[in-house]
Amino acid sequence: MRAERSGVSQSIARGLRREIITGKRAPGAPLRQDQIAAEYRASHVPVREALQALQSEGLVLYLPRKGASVAPISRADILDVIDMRTELEGLAFRRALENGEAEAFDRDGAGAQITASENSDDPDIWVAANWAFHRLLYAACQRPRLIQAIEELWLPSERYLRMVWERLDWQMRSQTEHKELLALAANNDIEGAVRLLKHHIRSAGQGLLALLTDLQTH
């Protein structure tokens, strides 16, 4: 019974996570347990467990006497995520390149992810291709804990990046910089490649901060 309930709560968490990340459930939107239970044809127990799991991921906020709601997108959180991604991904990319350019990453595979993104108008494909590209850049760093820490930051990052890509037409700029990263790596320009990667991550964060400011003033 417990295993069955766990499976239900995980299924609910996956569905809600998807809706929050894609913006279907907007920041600040209430998450009423009775409504969610009806939507998923489940009892309140797995719904509560799902919301608690999403709270631990920073996607759900609990307030006294108000219950659960979709966590807001805050400037402080964006800055934290971007700063951490910049340093950790810069380190992973450097280590991968230092392990030998020829073995640092699957250049053909990375190029294929760029092509997949360029040939699609589907944000889901953009996001999947983007993370696949970055994962290939760092695969040869041989630091599993570092990779795990990076991937844990991609969940909140996806929520933010969707806003940037869909509202600021960021896709073209992102793909151009991806191609430049491959070129620098092919030339074994480690410093240049790491510098561009950090700029690539920071500039997306700066774009989102500017977008939030614009949305809040209009």
N, C-alpha and C. Protein backbone atom coordinates (compact mmCIF):
# COMPACT_ATOMS: atom_id res chain seq x y z
N MET A 1 0.83 -1.21 0.00
CA MET A 1 0.00 0.00 0.00
C MET A 1 0.87 1.26 0.00
N ARG A 2 1.93 1.24 0.84
CA ARG A 2 2.81 2.40 0.91
C ARG A 2 3.51 2.63 -0.42
N ALA A 3 3.98 1.54 -1.06
CA ALA A 3 4.66 1.66 -2.35
C ALA A 3 3.70 2.21 -3.41
N GLU A 4 2.45 1.76 -3.36
CA GLU A 4 1.45 2.24 -4.32
C GLU A 4 1.21 3.73 -4.13
N ARG A 5 1.07 4.16 -2.86
CA ARG A 5 0.85 5.57 -2.57
C ARG A 5 2.04 6.41 -3.00
N SER A 6 3.25 5.86 -2.79
CA SER A 6 4.45 6.57 -3.21
C SER A 6 4.46 6.79 -4.71
N GLY A 7 4.03 5.76 -5.46
CA GLY A 7 3.98 5.90 -6.91
C GLY A 7 2.99 6.96 -7.33
N VAL A 8 1.86 7.05 -6.63
CA VAL A 8 0.85 8.07 -6.96
C VAL A 8 1.39 9.46 -6.66
N SER A 9 2.03 9.62 -5.50
CA SER A 9 2.56 10.94 -5.14
C SER A 9 3.66 11.38 -6.11
N GLN A 10 4.48 10.44 -6.56
CA GLN A 10 5.53 10.77 -7.53
C GLN A 10 4.92 11.18 -8.86
N SER A 11 3.85 10.51 -9.26
CA SER A 11 3.17 10.86 -10.51
C SER A 11 2.56 12.26 -10.42
N ILE A 12 1.95 12.57 -9.29
CA ILE A 12 1.37 13.90 -9.09
C ILE A 12 2.47 14.95 -9.08
N ALA A 13 3.57 14.66 -8.39
CA ALA A 13 4.70 15.60 -8.34
C ALA A 13 5.25 15.87 -9.73
N ARG A 14 5.37 14.83 -10.56
CA ARG A 14 5.87 15.03 -11.92
C ARG A 14 4.94 15.94 -12.71
N GLY A 15 3.64 15.70 -12.58
CA GLY A 15 2.69 16.52 -13.32
C GLY A 15 2.71 17.97 -12.88
N LEU A 16 2.71 18.20 -11.57
CA LEU A 16 2.73 19.56 -11.05
C LEU A 16 4.05 20.26 -11.38
N ARG A 17 5.14 19.51 -11.27
CA ARG A 17 6.45 20.08 -11.59
C ARG A 17 6.47 20.59 -13.03
N ARG A 18 5.96 19.77 -13.90
CA ARG A 18 5.92 20.14 -15.31
C ARG A 18 5.08 21.40 -15.53
N GLU A 19 3.95 21.48 -14.87
CA GLU A 19 3.06 22.62 -15.03
C GLU A 19 3.68 23.90 -14.47
N ILE A 20 4.43 23.77 -13.37
CA ILE A 20 5.08 24.94 -12.78
C ILE A 20 6.23 25.41 -13.65
N ILE A 21 7.06 24.48 -14.10
CA ILE A 21 8.23 24.84 -14.89
C ILE A 21 7.83 25.47 -16.22
N THR A 22 6.78 24.96 -16.83
CA THR A 22 6.36 25.48 -18.14
C THR A 22 5.49 26.73 -18.02
N GLY A 23 5.14 27.10 -16.79
CA GLY A 23 4.35 28.31 -16.59
C GLY A 23 2.85 28.10 -16.65
N LYS A 24 2.41 26.86 -16.81
CA LYS A 24 0.97 26.60 -16.82
C LYS A 24 0.36 26.98 -15.48
N ARG A 25 1.10 26.72 -14.42
CA ARG A 25 0.71 27.22 -13.09
C ARG A 25 1.65 28.38 -12.78
N ALA A 26 1.10 29.56 -12.75
CA ALA A 26 1.90 30.78 -12.65
C ALA A 26 2.44 30.98 -11.24
N PRO A 27 3.54 31.74 -11.11
CA PRO A 27 4.06 32.07 -9.79
C PRO A 27 2.98 32.71 -8.92
N GLY A 28 2.86 32.22 -7.69
CA GLY A 28 1.87 32.74 -6.77
C GLY A 28 0.51 32.07 -6.85
N ALA A 29 0.29 31.24 -7.86
CA ALA A 29 -1.00 30.56 -8.01
C ALA A 29 -1.23 29.60 -6.85
N PRO A 30 -2.44 29.59 -6.27
CA PRO A 30 -2.71 28.67 -5.16
C PRO A 30 -2.72 27.22 -5.63
N LEU A 31 -2.31 26.34 -4.75
CA LEU A 31 -2.30 24.90 -5.02
C LEU A 31 -3.20 24.22 -3.99
N ARG A 32 -4.47 24.17 -4.28
CA ARG A 32 -5.46 23.62 -3.35
C ARG A 32 -5.44 22.09 -3.43
N GLN A 33 -5.26 21.48 -2.29
CA GLN A 33 -5.15 20.02 -2.26
C GLN A 33 -6.41 19.34 -2.77
N ASP A 34 -7.59 19.90 -2.45
CA ASP A 34 -8.82 19.25 -2.90
C ASP A 34 -8.96 19.29 -4.42
N GLN A 35 -8.56 20.42 -5.03
CA GLN A 35 -8.64 20.53 -6.48
C GLN A 35 -7.65 19.59 -7.16
N ILE A 36 -6.43 19.56 -6.63
CA ILE A 36 -5.40 18.68 -7.23
C ILE A 36 -5.81 17.22 -7.07
N ALA A 37 -6.35 16.87 -5.90
CA ALA A 37 -6.80 15.50 -5.68
C ALA A 37 -7.88 15.11 -6.69
N ALA A 38 -8.78 16.05 -6.99
CA ALA A 38 -9.83 15.78 -7.97
C ALA A 38 -9.25 15.62 -9.37
N GLU A 39 -8.28 16.48 -9.71
CA GLU A 39 -7.66 16.42 -11.03
C GLU A 39 -6.97 15.08 -11.26
N TYR A 40 -6.30 14.60 -10.23
CA TYR A 40 -5.51 13.37 -10.36
C TYR A 40 -6.26 12.13 -9.85
N ARG A 41 -7.50 12.35 -9.42
CA ARG A 41 -8.32 11.24 -8.91
C ARG A 41 -7.56 10.48 -7.82
N ALA A 42 -7.07 11.25 -6.88
CA ALA A 42 -6.27 10.68 -5.79
C ALA A 42 -6.78 11.21 -4.46
N SER A 43 -6.33 10.59 -3.38
CA SER A 43 -6.67 11.08 -2.05
C SER A 43 -5.76 12.26 -1.70
N HIS A 44 -6.05 12.88 -0.56
CA HIS A 44 -5.26 14.04 -0.15
C HIS A 44 -3.85 13.66 0.29
N VAL A 45 -3.66 12.43 0.75
CA VAL A 45 -2.34 12.04 1.28
C VAL A 45 -1.25 12.11 0.21
N PRO A 46 -1.39 11.46 -0.95
CA PRO A 46 -0.33 11.57 -1.96
C PRO A 46 -0.19 12.98 -2.52
N VAL A 47 -1.29 13.74 -2.52
CA VAL A 47 -1.19 15.14 -2.98
C VAL A 47 -0.31 15.93 -2.02
N ARG A 48 -0.55 15.74 -0.72
CA ARG A 48 0.26 16.44 0.28
C ARG A 48 1.73 16.03 0.16
N GLU A 49 1.99 14.75 -0.05
CA GLU A 49 3.37 14.28 -0.21
C GLU A 49 4.02 14.89 -1.45
N ALA A 50 3.25 15.00 -2.53
CA ALA A 50 3.78 15.60 -3.76
C ALA A 50 4.13 17.06 -3.55
N LEU A 51 3.26 17.79 -2.86
CA LEU A 51 3.52 19.21 -2.61
C LEU A 51 4.74 19.39 -1.70
N GLN A 52 4.90 18.50 -0.73
CA GLN A 52 6.07 18.58 0.14
C GLN A 52 7.35 18.32 -0.64
N ALA A 53 7.30 17.38 -1.59
CA ALA A 53 8.47 17.10 -2.42
C ALA A 53 8.82 18.32 -3.26
N LEU A 54 7.81 18.97 -3.82
CA LEU A 54 8.06 20.15 -4.65
C LEU A 54 8.51 21.34 -3.81
N GLN A 55 8.07 21.38 -2.55
CA GLN A 55 8.57 22.42 -1.65
C GLN A 55 10.06 22.26 -1.44
N SER A 56 10.53 21.02 -1.29
CA SER A 56 11.96 20.77 -1.09
C SER A 56 12.77 21.16 -2.32
N GLU A 57 12.13 21.19 -3.50
CA GLU A 57 12.80 21.58 -4.73
C GLU A 57 12.73 23.09 -4.97
N GLY A 58 12.03 23.80 -4.09
CA GLY A 58 11.91 25.25 -4.24
C GLY A 58 10.83 25.69 -5.20
N LEU A 59 9.95 24.77 -5.60
CA LEU A 59 8.90 25.12 -6.56
C LEU A 59 7.57 25.45 -5.90
N VAL A 60 7.41 25.06 -4.64
CA VAL A 60 6.16 25.29 -3.91
C VAL A 60 6.48 26.02 -2.62
N LEU A 61 5.59 26.95 -2.27
CA LEU A 61 5.75 27.74 -1.05
C LEU A 61 4.57 27.48 -0.13
N TYR A 62 4.84 27.24 1.14
CA TYR A 62 3.78 27.08 2.14
C TYR A 62 3.76 28.32 3.03
N LEU A 63 2.57 28.90 3.21
CA LEU A 63 2.40 30.04 4.10
C LEU A 63 1.34 29.70 5.15
N PRO A 64 1.57 30.11 6.41
CA PRO A 64 0.58 29.82 7.46
C PRO A 64 -0.79 30.38 7.10
N ARG A 65 -1.81 29.57 7.30
CA ARG A 65 -3.21 29.92 7.08
C ARG A 65 -3.55 30.19 5.61
N LYS A 66 -2.58 30.08 4.72
CA LYS A 66 -2.85 30.28 3.30
C LYS A 66 -2.62 29.01 2.49
N GLY A 67 -1.87 28.09 3.03
CA GLY A 67 -1.62 26.85 2.32
C GLY A 67 -0.52 26.96 1.29
N ALA A 68 -0.58 26.07 0.31
CA ALA A 68 0.49 25.98 -0.69
C ALA A 68 0.19 26.85 -1.90
N SER A 69 1.25 27.35 -2.50
CA SER A 69 1.14 28.11 -3.74
C SER A 69 2.42 27.90 -4.55
N VAL A 70 2.36 28.23 -5.83
CA VAL A 70 3.55 28.15 -6.67
C VAL A 70 4.55 29.19 -6.19
N ALA A 71 5.78 28.77 -5.98
CA ALA A 71 6.80 29.68 -5.48
C ALA A 71 7.02 30.83 -6.46
N PRO A 72 7.17 32.04 -5.94
CA PRO A 72 7.43 33.18 -6.83
C PRO A 72 8.82 33.09 -7.44
N ILE A 73 9.01 33.82 -8.51
CA ILE A 73 10.34 33.93 -9.11
C ILE A 73 10.98 35.18 -8.53
N SER A 74 12.00 35.00 -7.73
CA SER A 74 12.62 36.13 -7.05
C SER A 74 13.98 36.45 -7.64
N ARG A 75 14.34 37.73 -7.58
CA ARG A 75 15.64 38.16 -8.08
C ARG A 75 16.76 37.49 -7.30
N ALA A 76 16.58 37.36 -5.99
CA ALA A 76 17.63 36.75 -5.16
C ALA A 76 17.87 35.31 -5.57
N ASP A 77 16.79 34.58 -5.84
CA ASP A 77 16.94 33.17 -6.23
C ASP A 77 17.61 33.06 -7.59
N ILE A 78 17.22 33.93 -8.51
CA ILE A 78 17.85 33.92 -9.84
C ILE A 78 19.35 34.16 -9.72
N LEU A 79 19.72 35.16 -8.93
CA LEU A 79 21.14 35.48 -8.76
C LEU A 79 21.90 34.30 -8.15
N ASP A 80 21.29 33.65 -7.15
CA ASP A 80 21.93 32.49 -6.53
C ASP A 80 22.17 31.39 -7.56
N VAL A 81 21.13 31.06 -8.31
CA VAL A 81 21.22 29.96 -9.27
C VAL A 81 22.25 30.29 -10.35
N ILE A 82 22.19 31.50 -10.88
CA ILE A 82 23.11 31.89 -11.96
C ILE A 82 24.56 31.90 -11.46
N ASP A 83 24.78 32.45 -10.27
CA ASP A 83 26.15 32.48 -9.73
C ASP A 83 26.69 31.07 -9.53
N MET A 84 25.85 30.19 -8.99
CA MET A 84 26.30 28.82 -8.75
C MET A 84 26.54 28.08 -10.06
N ARG A 85 25.62 28.25 -11.01
CA ARG A 85 25.81 27.60 -12.31
C ARG A 85 27.09 28.09 -12.99
N THR A 86 27.32 29.39 -12.93
CA THR A 86 28.49 29.96 -13.60
C THR A 86 29.77 29.32 -13.08
N GLU A 87 29.91 29.25 -11.77
CA GLU A 87 31.14 28.72 -11.19
C GLU A 87 31.26 27.20 -11.36
N LEU A 88 30.19 26.49 -11.08
CA LEU A 88 30.26 25.02 -11.14
C LEU A 88 30.41 24.53 -12.58
N GLU A 89 29.65 25.11 -13.50
CA GLU A 89 29.75 24.66 -14.89
C GLU A 89 31.06 25.11 -15.52
N GLY A 90 31.56 26.27 -15.11
CA GLY A 90 32.87 26.69 -15.59
C GLY A 90 33.95 25.72 -15.15
N LEU A 91 33.87 25.27 -13.89
CA LEU A 91 34.85 24.30 -13.37
C LEU A 91 34.74 22.97 -14.11
N ALA A 92 33.51 22.50 -14.32
CA ALA A 92 33.32 21.21 -15.00
C ALA A 92 33.84 21.26 -16.43
N PHE A 93 33.58 22.36 -17.13
CA PHE A 93 34.04 22.49 -18.51
C PHE A 93 35.56 22.55 -18.57
N ARG A 94 36.15 23.28 -17.64
CA ARG A 94 37.62 23.36 -17.59
C ARG A 94 38.22 21.98 -17.36
N ARG A 95 37.69 21.24 -16.41
CA ARG A 95 38.23 19.91 -16.12
C ARG A 95 38.05 18.98 -17.31
N ALA A 96 36.92 19.08 -18.00
CA ALA A 96 36.70 18.23 -19.18
C ALA A 96 37.72 18.53 -20.26
N LEU A 97 37.98 19.81 -20.50
CA LEU A 97 38.94 20.19 -21.53
C LEU A 97 40.36 19.83 -21.14
N GLU A 98 40.68 19.97 -19.86
CA GLU A 98 42.03 19.63 -19.40
C GLU A 98 42.29 18.13 -19.47
N ASN A 99 41.22 17.35 -19.49
CA ASN A 99 41.39 15.90 -19.61
C ASN A 99 41.76 15.49 -21.03
N GLY A 100 41.83 16.45 -21.93
CA GLY A 100 42.21 16.17 -23.31
C GLY A 100 41.10 16.56 -24.25
N GLU A 101 41.39 17.52 -25.13
CA GLU A 101 40.35 18.05 -26.02
C GLU A 101 39.66 16.96 -26.82
N ALA A 102 40.44 16.00 -27.32
CA ALA A 102 39.85 14.97 -28.17
C ALA A 102 38.83 14.12 -27.43
N GLU A 103 39.01 14.01 -26.10
CA GLU A 103 38.11 13.18 -25.31
C GLU A 103 37.17 14.01 -24.45
N ALA A 104 37.25 15.32 -24.58
CA ALA A 104 36.52 16.18 -23.66
C ALA A 104 35.01 16.04 -23.80
N PHE A 105 34.52 15.94 -25.02
CA PHE A 105 33.09 15.74 -25.21
C PHE A 105 32.84 15.25 -26.63
N ASP A 106 31.66 14.75 -26.83
CA ASP A 106 31.24 14.25 -28.14
C ASP A 106 30.85 15.45 -28.99
N ARG A 107 31.80 15.96 -29.79
CA ARG A 107 31.52 17.16 -30.57
C ARG A 107 30.39 16.94 -31.57
N ASP A 108 30.38 15.77 -32.18
CA ASP A 108 29.30 15.47 -33.12
C ASP A 108 27.95 15.44 -32.41
N GLY A 109 27.93 14.85 -31.23
CA GLY A 109 26.69 14.80 -30.47
C GLY A 109 26.24 16.18 -30.04
N ALA A 110 27.20 17.02 -29.61
CA ALA A 110 26.87 18.38 -29.21
C ALA A 110 26.34 19.17 -30.40
N GLY A 111 26.97 18.99 -31.56
CA GLY A 111 26.50 19.66 -32.76
C GLY A 111 25.10 19.23 -33.14
N ALA A 112 24.80 17.95 -32.92
CA ALA A 112 23.46 17.44 -33.23
C ALA A 112 22.40 18.09 -32.34
N GLN A 113 22.76 18.40 -31.10
CA GLN A 113 21.81 19.06 -30.22
C GLN A 113 21.54 20.49 -30.69
N ILE A 114 22.56 21.16 -31.20
CA ILE A 114 22.35 22.50 -31.76
C ILE A 114 21.39 22.42 -32.94
N THR A 115 21.61 21.46 -33.82
CA THR A 115 20.75 21.29 -34.99
C THR A 115 19.32 20.99 -34.58
N ALA A 116 19.14 20.13 -33.59
CA ALA A 116 17.80 19.77 -33.14
C ALA A 116 17.05 21.00 -32.65
N SER A 117 17.74 21.87 -31.93
CA SER A 117 17.11 23.08 -31.42
C SER A 117 16.79 24.05 -32.54
N GLU A 118 17.71 24.20 -33.49
CA GLU A 118 17.50 25.15 -34.59
C GLU A 118 16.34 24.73 -35.49
N ASN A 119 16.08 23.44 -35.58
CA ASN A 119 15.06 22.94 -36.50
C ASN A 119 13.69 22.79 -35.84
N SER A 120 13.52 23.35 -34.66
CA SER A 120 12.25 23.17 -33.97
C SER A 120 11.74 24.50 -33.41
N ASP A 121 10.42 24.63 -33.38
CA ASP A 121 9.77 25.76 -32.73
C ASP A 121 9.16 25.36 -31.39
N ASP A 122 9.47 24.16 -30.95
CA ASP A 122 8.90 23.62 -29.72
C ASP A 122 9.81 23.93 -28.54
N PRO A 123 9.36 24.74 -27.57
CA PRO A 123 10.20 25.06 -26.41
C PRO A 123 10.68 23.83 -25.65
N ASP A 124 9.87 22.77 -25.64
CA ASP A 124 10.29 21.55 -24.94
C ASP A 124 11.54 20.96 -25.59
N ILE A 125 11.59 21.01 -26.92
CA ILE A 125 12.77 20.50 -27.64
C ILE A 125 13.96 21.42 -27.40
N TRP A 126 13.73 22.74 -27.38
CA TRP A 126 14.83 23.67 -27.10
C TRP A 126 15.47 23.33 -25.76
N VAL A 127 14.61 23.19 -24.75
CA VAL A 127 15.11 22.95 -23.40
C VAL A 127 15.88 21.64 -23.33
N ALA A 128 15.30 20.57 -23.87
CA ALA A 128 15.96 19.26 -23.83
C ALA A 128 17.29 19.30 -24.57
N ALA A 129 17.32 19.96 -25.73
CA ALA A 129 18.56 20.04 -26.51
C ALA A 129 19.60 20.89 -25.78
N ASN A 130 19.16 21.94 -25.11
CA ASN A 130 20.10 22.80 -24.38
C ASN A 130 20.79 22.03 -23.27
N TRP A 131 20.01 21.30 -22.46
CA TRP A 131 20.62 20.55 -21.37
C TRP A 131 21.48 19.42 -21.90
N ALA A 132 21.07 18.79 -22.98
CA ALA A 132 21.88 17.72 -23.57
C ALA A 132 23.22 18.27 -24.06
N PHE A 133 23.19 19.46 -24.65
CA PHE A 133 24.43 20.10 -25.11
C PHE A 133 25.36 20.36 -23.94
N HIS A 134 24.84 20.98 -22.89
CA HIS A 134 25.69 21.30 -21.73
C HIS A 134 26.20 20.02 -21.06
N ARG A 135 25.36 19.01 -21.00
CA ARG A 135 25.79 17.75 -20.38
C ARG A 135 26.96 17.13 -21.14
N LEU A 136 26.93 17.24 -22.47
CA LEU A 136 28.04 16.71 -23.28
C LEU A 136 29.32 17.51 -23.06
N LEU A 137 29.19 18.82 -22.83
CA LEU A 137 30.38 19.63 -22.58
C LEU A 137 31.13 19.16 -21.34
N TYR A 138 30.38 18.73 -20.33
CA TYR A 138 30.99 18.44 -19.03
C TYR A 138 31.23 16.95 -18.79
N ALA A 139 30.78 16.11 -19.70
CA ALA A 139 30.78 14.66 -19.45
C ALA A 139 32.15 14.11 -19.08
N ALA A 140 33.20 14.67 -19.66
CA ALA A 140 34.54 14.13 -19.45
C ALA A 140 35.27 14.74 -18.26
N CYS A 141 34.56 15.51 -17.43
CA CYS A 141 35.26 16.14 -16.30
C CYS A 141 35.60 15.12 -15.22
N GLN A 142 34.92 13.97 -15.24
CA GLN A 142 35.21 12.88 -14.30
C GLN A 142 35.02 13.32 -12.85
N ARG A 143 34.00 14.14 -12.63
CA ARG A 143 33.65 14.60 -11.28
C ARG A 143 32.15 14.35 -11.06
N PRO A 144 31.77 13.13 -10.70
CA PRO A 144 30.34 12.81 -10.59
C PRO A 144 29.58 13.68 -9.60
N ARG A 145 30.19 14.04 -8.49
CA ARG A 145 29.50 14.89 -7.51
C ARG A 145 29.29 16.30 -8.08
N LEU A 146 30.26 16.76 -8.83
CA LEU A 146 30.14 18.08 -9.46
C LEU A 146 29.00 18.07 -10.48
N ILE A 147 28.94 17.03 -11.29
CA ILE A 147 27.87 16.92 -12.28
C ILE A 147 26.51 16.84 -11.59
N GLN A 148 26.43 16.10 -10.50
CA GLN A 148 25.17 16.00 -9.76
C GLN A 148 24.73 17.36 -9.24
N ALA A 149 25.67 18.13 -8.70
CA ALA A 149 25.34 19.46 -8.19
C ALA A 149 24.85 20.37 -9.31
N ILE A 150 25.48 20.27 -10.47
CA ILE A 150 25.07 21.08 -11.62
C ILE A 150 23.66 20.72 -12.06
N GLU A 151 23.39 19.43 -12.17
CA GLU A 151 22.08 19.00 -12.65
C GLU A 151 20.97 19.39 -11.69
N GLU A 152 21.27 19.47 -10.40
CA GLU A 152 20.26 19.90 -9.43
C GLU A 152 19.89 21.37 -9.62
N LEU A 153 20.78 22.14 -10.22
CA LEU A 153 20.49 23.55 -10.49
C LEU A 153 19.72 23.74 -11.78
N TRP A 154 19.66 22.71 -12.61
CA TRP A 154 18.99 22.87 -13.90
C TRP A 154 17.48 22.93 -13.76
N LEU A 155 16.92 22.37 -12.69
CA LEU A 155 15.47 22.41 -12.51
C LEU A 155 14.97 23.84 -12.34
N PRO A 156 15.48 24.61 -11.37
CA PRO A 156 15.05 26.01 -11.30
C PRO A 156 15.49 26.81 -12.51
N SER A 157 16.64 26.47 -13.08
CA SER A 157 17.11 27.19 -14.26
C SER A 157 16.14 27.04 -15.43
N GLU A 158 15.59 25.85 -15.59
CA GLU A 158 14.67 25.64 -16.72
C GLU A 158 13.46 26.55 -16.60
N ARG A 159 12.96 26.71 -15.40
CA ARG A 159 11.81 27.60 -15.19
C ARG A 159 12.13 29.02 -15.63
N TYR A 160 13.33 29.47 -15.32
CA TYR A 160 13.73 30.83 -15.67
C TYR A 160 14.04 30.96 -17.16
N LEU A 161 14.76 29.98 -17.69
CA LEU A 161 15.20 30.08 -19.08
C LEU A 161 14.03 30.04 -20.05
N ARG A 162 12.98 29.33 -19.70
CA ARG A 162 11.81 29.32 -20.58
C ARG A 162 11.26 30.73 -20.74
N MET A 163 11.27 31.50 -19.66
CA MET A 163 10.80 32.88 -19.76
C MET A 163 11.67 33.70 -20.69
N VAL A 164 12.98 33.52 -20.58
CA VAL A 164 13.91 34.27 -21.43
C VAL A 164 13.74 33.89 -22.89
N TRP A 165 13.74 32.59 -23.16
CA TRP A 165 13.67 32.13 -24.55
C TRP A 165 12.35 32.51 -25.20
N GLU A 166 11.24 32.38 -24.47
CA GLU A 166 9.93 32.59 -25.07
C GLU A 166 9.58 34.07 -25.19
N ARG A 167 10.11 34.91 -24.31
CA ARG A 167 9.76 36.32 -24.33
C ARG A 167 10.82 37.19 -24.99
N LEU A 168 12.06 36.76 -24.97
CA LEU A 168 13.15 37.59 -25.49
C LEU A 168 13.78 37.02 -26.75
N ASP A 169 13.22 35.96 -27.29
CA ASP A 169 13.76 35.33 -28.50
C ASP A 169 15.25 35.05 -28.32
N TRP A 170 15.58 34.37 -27.23
CA TRP A 170 16.97 34.11 -26.85
C TRP A 170 17.59 32.96 -27.61
N GLN A 171 16.77 32.17 -28.28
CA GLN A 171 17.25 30.93 -28.87
C GLN A 171 18.39 31.15 -29.85
N MET A 172 18.26 32.13 -30.75
CA MET A 172 19.28 32.36 -31.77
C MET A 172 20.62 32.73 -31.14
N ARG A 173 20.58 33.62 -30.16
CA ARG A 173 21.82 34.02 -29.48
C ARG A 173 22.45 32.83 -28.76
N SER A 174 21.62 32.03 -28.11
CA SER A 174 22.13 30.87 -27.38
C SER A 174 22.83 29.90 -28.33
N GLN A 175 22.20 29.63 -29.47
CA GLN A 175 22.79 28.68 -30.41
C GLN A 175 24.09 29.20 -31.01
N THR A 176 24.15 30.51 -31.26
CA THR A 176 25.39 31.11 -31.78
C THR A 176 26.53 30.90 -30.79
N GLU A 177 26.25 31.13 -29.51
CA GLU A 177 27.29 30.96 -28.49
C GLU A 177 27.65 29.48 -28.31
N HIS A 178 26.69 28.60 -28.48
CA HIS A 178 27.00 27.16 -28.42
C HIS A 178 28.01 26.79 -29.51
N LYS A 179 27.80 27.30 -30.71
CA LYS A 179 28.72 27.01 -31.82
C LYS A 179 30.10 27.59 -31.53
N GLU A 180 30.14 28.78 -30.95
CA GLU A 180 31.42 29.40 -30.61
C GLU A 180 32.15 28.59 -29.54
N LEU A 181 31.41 28.02 -28.60
CA LEU A 181 32.03 27.17 -27.58
C LEU A 181 32.70 25.96 -28.21
N LEU A 182 32.02 25.34 -29.16
CA LEU A 182 32.61 24.18 -29.84
C LEU A 182 33.87 24.57 -30.60
N ALA A 183 33.85 25.75 -31.24
CA ALA A 183 35.01 26.19 -32.01
C ALA A 183 36.20 26.44 -31.10
N LEU A 184 35.97 27.08 -29.96
CA LEU A 184 37.06 27.35 -29.02
C LEU A 184 37.62 26.05 -28.46
N ALA A 185 36.74 25.11 -28.15
CA ALA A 185 37.20 23.82 -27.63
C ALA A 185 38.01 23.07 -28.68
N ALA A 186 37.57 23.14 -29.93
CA ALA A 186 38.29 22.45 -31.01
C ALA A 186 39.69 23.01 -31.17
N ASN A 187 39.86 24.30 -30.88
CA ASN A 187 41.18 24.94 -30.95
C ASN A 187 41.96 24.80 -29.65
N ASN A 188 41.39 24.06 -28.71
CA ASN A 188 42.02 23.83 -27.40
C ASN A 188 42.29 25.14 -26.66
N ASP A 189 41.40 26.11 -26.86
CA ASP A 189 41.48 27.39 -26.16
C ASP A 189 40.67 27.27 -24.87
N ILE A 190 41.29 26.69 -23.86
CA ILE A 190 40.57 26.41 -22.62
C ILE A 190 40.09 27.69 -21.95
N GLU A 191 40.97 28.67 -21.83
CA GLU A 191 40.60 29.91 -21.15
C GLU A 191 39.47 30.62 -21.89
N GLY A 192 39.59 30.69 -23.20
CA GLY A 192 38.56 31.35 -23.99
C GLY A 192 37.23 30.62 -23.91
N ALA A 193 37.27 29.30 -23.94
CA ALA A 193 36.04 28.50 -23.88
C ALA A 193 35.35 28.67 -22.54
N VAL A 194 36.11 28.60 -21.45
CA VAL A 194 35.52 28.74 -20.12
C VAL A 194 34.98 30.16 -19.93
N ARG A 195 35.72 31.15 -20.41
CA ARG A 195 35.26 32.54 -20.30
C ARG A 195 33.93 32.74 -21.04
N LEU A 196 33.83 32.18 -22.24
CA LEU A 196 32.59 32.32 -23.01
C LEU A 196 31.45 31.57 -22.33
N LEU A 197 31.72 30.39 -21.80
CA LEU A 197 30.66 29.65 -21.11
C LEU A 197 30.10 30.45 -19.95
N LYS A 198 30.97 31.05 -19.15
CA LYS A 198 30.50 31.84 -18.01
C LYS A 198 29.69 33.04 -18.48
N HIS A 199 30.15 33.68 -19.55
CA HIS A 199 29.39 34.80 -20.12
C HIS A 199 28.03 34.32 -20.61
N HIS A 200 28.00 33.16 -21.23
CA HIS A 200 26.78 32.57 -21.78
C HIS A 200 25.74 32.37 -20.68
N ILE A 201 26.16 31.86 -19.55
CA ILE A 201 25.23 31.61 -18.44
C ILE A 201 24.80 32.92 -17.79
N ARG A 202 25.75 33.81 -17.56
CA ARG A 202 25.44 35.08 -16.90
C ARG A 202 24.51 35.95 -17.75
N SER A 203 24.74 35.97 -19.05
CA SER A 203 23.95 36.85 -19.91
C SER A 203 22.48 36.42 -19.93
N ALA A 204 22.23 35.12 -19.86
CA ALA A 204 20.84 34.65 -19.78
C ALA A 204 20.21 35.11 -18.48
N GLY A 205 20.97 35.05 -17.39
CA GLY A 205 20.46 35.52 -16.11
C GLY A 205 20.19 37.00 -16.12
N GLN A 206 21.08 37.77 -16.72
CA GLN A 206 20.88 39.22 -16.80
C GLN A 206 19.66 39.56 -17.64
N GLY A 207 19.44 38.77 -18.71
CA GLY A 207 18.26 38.98 -19.53
C GLY A 207 16.99 38.73 -18.75
N LEU A 208 16.99 37.70 -17.91
CA LEU A 208 15.82 37.40 -17.11
C LEU A 208 15.57 38.48 -16.07
N LEU A 209 16.62 38.96 -15.42
CA LEU A 209 16.46 40.02 -14.42
C LEU A 209 15.89 41.28 -15.06
N ALA A 210 16.37 41.61 -16.25
CA ALA A 210 15.84 42.78 -16.96
C ALA A 210 14.37 42.56 -17.32
N LEU A 211 14.04 41.34 -17.72
CA LEU A 211 12.65 41.02 -18.06
C LEU A 211 11.75 41.14 -16.85
N LEU A 212 12.19 40.64 -15.70
CA LEU A 212 11.39 40.75 -14.48
C LEU A 212 11.16 42.20 -14.10
N THR A 213 12.19 43.01 -14.22
CA THR A 213 12.05 44.44 -13.92
C THR A 213 11.02 45.08 -14.83
N ASP A 214 11.07 44.73 -16.11
CA ASP A 214 10.12 45.28 -17.08
C ASP A 214 8.70 44.84 -16.77
N LEU A 215 8.52 43.57 -16.41
CA LEU A 215 7.19 43.07 -16.11
C LEU A 215 6.62 43.71 -14.85
N GLN A 216 7.48 43.98 -13.88
CA GLN A 216 7.02 44.55 -12.62
C GLN A 216 6.68 46.03 -12.73
N THR A 217 7.20 46.70 -13.75
CA THR A 217 6.95 48.14 -13.91
C THR A 217 5.85 48.43 -14.91
N HIS A 218 5.26 47.39 -15.48
CA HIS A 218 4.18 47.60 -16.47
C HIS A 218 2.90 46.89 -16.02
